[in-house]
Amino acid sequence: MEKYYVVKYSGPFGFIKPWTAVRDSETFSQQFLTPSIVEGIEKKLFPELLEEKGIQKIKRHRLSYSQINQQQEVIQTRGWNSTRKGKQILFDRPTAVLIRGVLLEPILHLAFSNREDAEKAFEQHICLCRNEDILMPIEIIEVSKEDFDNEEMYNGYELIFEKNENSFQVGFHRLTSEPMYGWLKIIGNPINSF
């Protein structure tokens, strides 16, 4: 029987950038991880894979959360505006307020095929996308592949990274600029009730 070594991560909140609406005035966190996000998490956990393309060690994942909360964030534009006041030239960067839908109490399970990789991942924190949204490791669980799909144990969203008749485009890979596809697998109730 094949096994997974699953590392459970959790934190107070997390944001996954939508691939279409990063700078819109109101935007919500994606509810699934794209292939490039999983690859980025893997490269953070295993920097020796930085030169490799594709996902090597994370075999499966599952994401759940308790609710989505709308939070305001002040941003500045990329460019500077200049105005002349007498002999002086004044520069300023206008600000705007974004409303972001942030995942509260996200739980992420990352499945590895061997204990050594899981233990190395367990020694480190991760971020879903923004550096301030830190998830800390909680535990390592050894389970069979069949048990990982048990809705009572591992509720959540998982994007299966393959292109077929059920797939949809989920963005463009941040390193190769190629379109990414997948289909959404929902196990149990992905909204945690505590």
Protein backbone atom coordinates (compact mmCIF):
# COMPACT_ATOMS: atom_id res chain seq x y z
CA MET A 1 0.00 0.00 0.00
CA GLU A 2 1.46 3.33 -1.07
CA LYS A 3 1.65 6.02 1.60
CA TYR A 4 1.76 9.77 1.81
CA TYR A 5 3.52 11.75 4.51
CA VAL A 6 1.25 14.74 4.95
CA VAL A 7 2.38 18.00 6.56
CA LYS A 8 -0.45 20.11 7.93
CA TYR A 9 0.07 23.89 7.89
CA SER A 10 -2.16 26.54 9.38
CA GLY A 11 -2.20 30.25 10.15
CA PRO A 12 -4.58 33.08 11.01
CA PHE A 13 -5.13 34.22 7.40
CA GLY A 14 -3.89 33.84 3.86
CA PHE A 15 -4.36 35.38 0.42
CA ILE A 16 -3.95 33.67 -2.93
CA LYS A 17 -3.64 36.20 -5.75
CA PRO A 18 -6.31 35.76 -8.43
CA TRP A 19 -4.59 35.52 -11.79
CA THR A 20 -6.97 38.01 -13.43
CA ALA A 21 -7.73 40.73 -10.87
CA VAL A 22 -4.67 41.49 -8.77
CA ARG A 23 -5.14 45.28 -8.90
CA ASP A 24 -8.94 45.61 -9.09
CA SER A 25 -10.58 47.69 -6.38
CA GLU A 26 -12.31 44.61 -4.99
CA THR A 27 -10.85 41.15 -5.34
CA PHE A 28 -11.20 37.81 -3.61
CA SER A 29 -8.62 35.19 -2.84
CA GLN A 30 -8.65 32.13 -5.05
CA GLN A 31 -9.84 29.03 -3.26
CA PHE A 32 -7.30 26.75 -4.90
CA LEU A 33 -3.56 26.65 -5.54
CA THR A 34 -2.32 26.88 -9.13
CA PRO A 35 0.61 24.77 -10.37
CA SER A 36 3.01 27.75 -10.17
CA ILE A 37 1.98 28.48 -6.56
CA VAL A 38 2.62 24.85 -5.53
CA GLU A 39 5.92 24.95 -7.41
CA GLY A 40 6.85 28.19 -5.63
CA ILE A 41 6.06 26.66 -2.22
CA GLU A 42 8.14 23.62 -3.12
CA LYS A 43 11.11 25.74 -4.21
CA LYS A 44 10.91 27.67 -0.92
CA LEU A 45 10.95 24.40 1.05
CA PHE A 46 13.60 22.74 -1.14
CA PRO A 47 15.92 25.44 -2.55
CA GLU A 48 18.09 22.75 -4.12
CA LEU A 49 15.29 22.43 -6.72
CA LEU A 50 15.53 26.07 -7.86
CA GLU A 51 17.14 25.05 -11.17
CA GLU A 52 14.55 22.32 -11.82
CA LYS A 53 11.33 22.97 -13.74
CA GLY A 54 8.04 21.56 -12.53
CA ILE A 55 6.83 20.10 -9.24
CA GLN A 56 9.13 17.34 -8.01
CA LYS A 57 8.31 16.52 -4.36
CA ILE A 58 4.78 17.72 -3.49
CA LYS A 59 2.53 14.90 -4.69
CA ARG A 60 -0.86 16.23 -3.59
CA HIS A 61 -2.31 19.12 -1.58
CA ARG A 62 -5.59 20.16 0.00
CA LEU A 63 -6.73 23.64 1.10
CA SER A 64 -9.60 24.56 3.42
CA TYR A 65 -10.50 27.65 5.46
CA SER A 66 -13.14 28.89 7.91
CA GLN A 67 -14.44 31.92 5.95
CA ILE A 68 -13.49 34.78 3.64
CA ASN A 69 -13.11 38.19 5.26
CA GLN A 70 -13.01 41.47 3.33
CA GLN A 71 -10.00 43.55 4.37
CA GLN A 72 -8.87 46.95 3.16
CA GLU A 73 -5.34 47.54 1.96
CA VAL A 74 -3.76 50.85 0.96
CA ILE A 75 -1.61 50.66 -2.17
CA GLN A 76 0.47 53.16 -4.11
CA THR A 77 0.61 53.50 -7.87
CA ARG A 78 3.75 52.38 -9.69
CA GLY A 79 4.58 55.79 -11.11
CA TRP A 80 5.22 59.21 -9.60
CA ASN A 81 3.27 62.41 -10.30
CA SER A 82 5.11 65.70 -10.41
CA THR A 83 3.71 69.17 -9.81
CA ARG A 84 5.42 72.54 -9.93
CA LYS A 85 5.00 74.91 -6.98
CA GLY A 86 6.93 78.07 -7.75
CA LYS A 87 10.52 77.00 -8.39
CA GLN A 88 10.07 73.66 -6.65
CA ILE A 89 9.01 70.42 -8.29
CA LEU A 90 7.04 68.18 -5.94
CA PHE A 91 6.70 64.45 -6.45
CA ASP A 92 4.03 62.24 -4.98
CA ARG A 93 2.62 58.75 -5.44
CA PRO A 94 -1.17 58.59 -5.26
CA THR A 95 -2.72 55.97 -3.01
CA ALA A 96 -5.84 53.87 -3.41
CA VAL A 97 -7.72 51.43 -1.22
CA LEU A 98 -8.25 47.84 -2.33
CA ILE A 99 -10.71 45.48 -0.73
CA ARG A 100 -9.29 41.96 -0.60
CA GLY A 101 -11.21 38.84 0.31
CA VAL A 102 -8.75 37.01 2.58
CA LEU A 103 -9.02 33.37 3.69
CA LEU A 104 -9.38 33.13 7.47
CA GLU A 105 -7.76 30.23 9.32
CA PRO A 106 -6.53 28.42 6.20
CA ILE A 107 -5.39 24.83 6.59
CA LEU A 108 -3.10 23.43 3.91
CA HIS A 109 -2.09 19.77 3.70
CA LEU A 110 0.96 18.99 1.56
CA ALA A 111 1.51 15.31 0.71
CA PHE A 112 4.98 13.89 0.11
CA SER A 113 5.99 10.37 -0.95
CA ASN A 114 8.77 10.00 1.66
CA ARG A 115 9.23 10.92 5.30
CA GLU A 116 12.52 12.80 4.77
CA ASP A 117 10.87 15.37 2.50
CA ALA A 118 7.96 15.76 4.92
CA GLU A 119 10.33 16.27 7.86
CA LYS A 120 12.32 18.89 5.97
CA ALA A 121 9.06 20.69 5.06
CA PHE A 122 7.88 20.44 8.68
CA GLU A 123 10.88 22.48 9.84
CA GLN A 124 9.82 25.52 7.79
CA HIS A 125 6.95 27.98 7.38
CA ILE A 126 5.27 28.71 4.05
CA CYS A 127 3.21 31.48 2.48
CA LEU A 128 0.31 30.99 0.09
CA CYS A 129 1.28 34.10 -1.89
CA ARG A 130 1.98 37.16 0.25
CA ASN A 131 4.97 37.08 2.61
CA GLU A 132 2.95 38.41 5.53
CA ASP A 133 0.46 35.51 5.33
CA ILE A 134 2.59 32.91 7.09
CA LEU A 135 1.41 29.36 7.67
CA MET A 136 3.22 27.29 10.30
CA PRO A 137 3.62 23.49 10.34
CA ILE A 138 1.33 21.73 12.82
CA GLU A 139 1.93 18.00 12.39
CA ILE A 140 3.10 15.22 10.08
CA ILE A 141 0.63 12.43 9.43
CA GLU A 142 1.36 9.15 7.67
CA VAL A 143 -1.64 8.01 5.59
CA SER A 144 -2.45 5.77 2.67
CA LYS A 145 -3.25 7.40 -0.66
CA GLU A 146 -6.85 6.23 -0.27
CA ASP A 147 -7.15 7.83 3.18
CA PHE A 148 -5.95 11.15 1.77
CA ASP A 149 -9.16 11.25 -0.26
CA ASN A 150 -11.27 10.52 2.83
CA GLU A 151 -13.58 13.51 3.19
CA GLU A 152 -13.72 13.29 6.99
CA MET A 153 -9.97 13.65 7.41
CA TYR A 154 -8.85 16.03 4.66
CA ASN A 155 -11.67 18.31 3.55
CA GLY A 156 -10.78 20.98 1.05
CA TYR A 157 -10.09 22.16 -2.46
CA GLU A 158 -7.44 20.56 -4.64
CA LEU A 159 -6.71 21.59 -8.18
CA ILE A 160 -5.65 18.49 -10.12
CA PHE A 161 -2.94 19.64 -12.52
CA GLU A 162 -3.96 18.07 -15.79
CA LYS A 163 -5.68 19.12 -18.99
CA ASN A 164 -8.77 17.15 -19.96
CA GLU A 165 -12.47 17.73 -20.74
CA ASN A 166 -13.09 18.86 -17.11
CA SER A 167 -10.15 21.29 -16.99
CA PHE A 168 -10.21 25.08 -17.11
CA GLN A 169 -7.43 27.63 -17.49
CA VAL A 170 -6.19 28.86 -14.11
CA GLY A 171 -3.62 31.39 -15.23
CA PHE A 172 -0.19 31.64 -16.76
CA HIS A 173 2.88 30.03 -15.24
CA ARG A 174 4.99 32.78 -13.71
CA LEU A 175 8.29 31.29 -14.93
CA THR A 176 7.43 29.94 -18.38
CA SER A 177 4.42 32.18 -19.25
CA GLU A 178 2.60 29.07 -20.50
CA PRO A 179 -1.13 28.69 -19.73
CA MET A 180 -1.90 26.44 -16.75
CA TYR A 181 -4.88 24.09 -16.60
CA GLY A 182 -6.53 21.94 -13.99
CA TRP A 183 -9.82 20.65 -12.66
CA LEU A 184 -11.14 21.27 -9.19
CA LYS A 185 -11.54 18.34 -6.83
CA ILE A 186 -13.63 19.16 -3.76
CA ILE A 187 -13.41 16.71 -0.88
CA GLY A 188 -16.08 16.96 1.82
CA ASN A 189 -16.87 20.47 3.05
CA PRO A 190 -13.90 22.79 2.37
CA ILE A 191 -15.28 25.43 4.74
CA ASN A 192 -14.09 24.48 8.23
CA SER A 193 -16.52 24.79 11.11
CA PHE A 194 -14.87 25.05 14.52
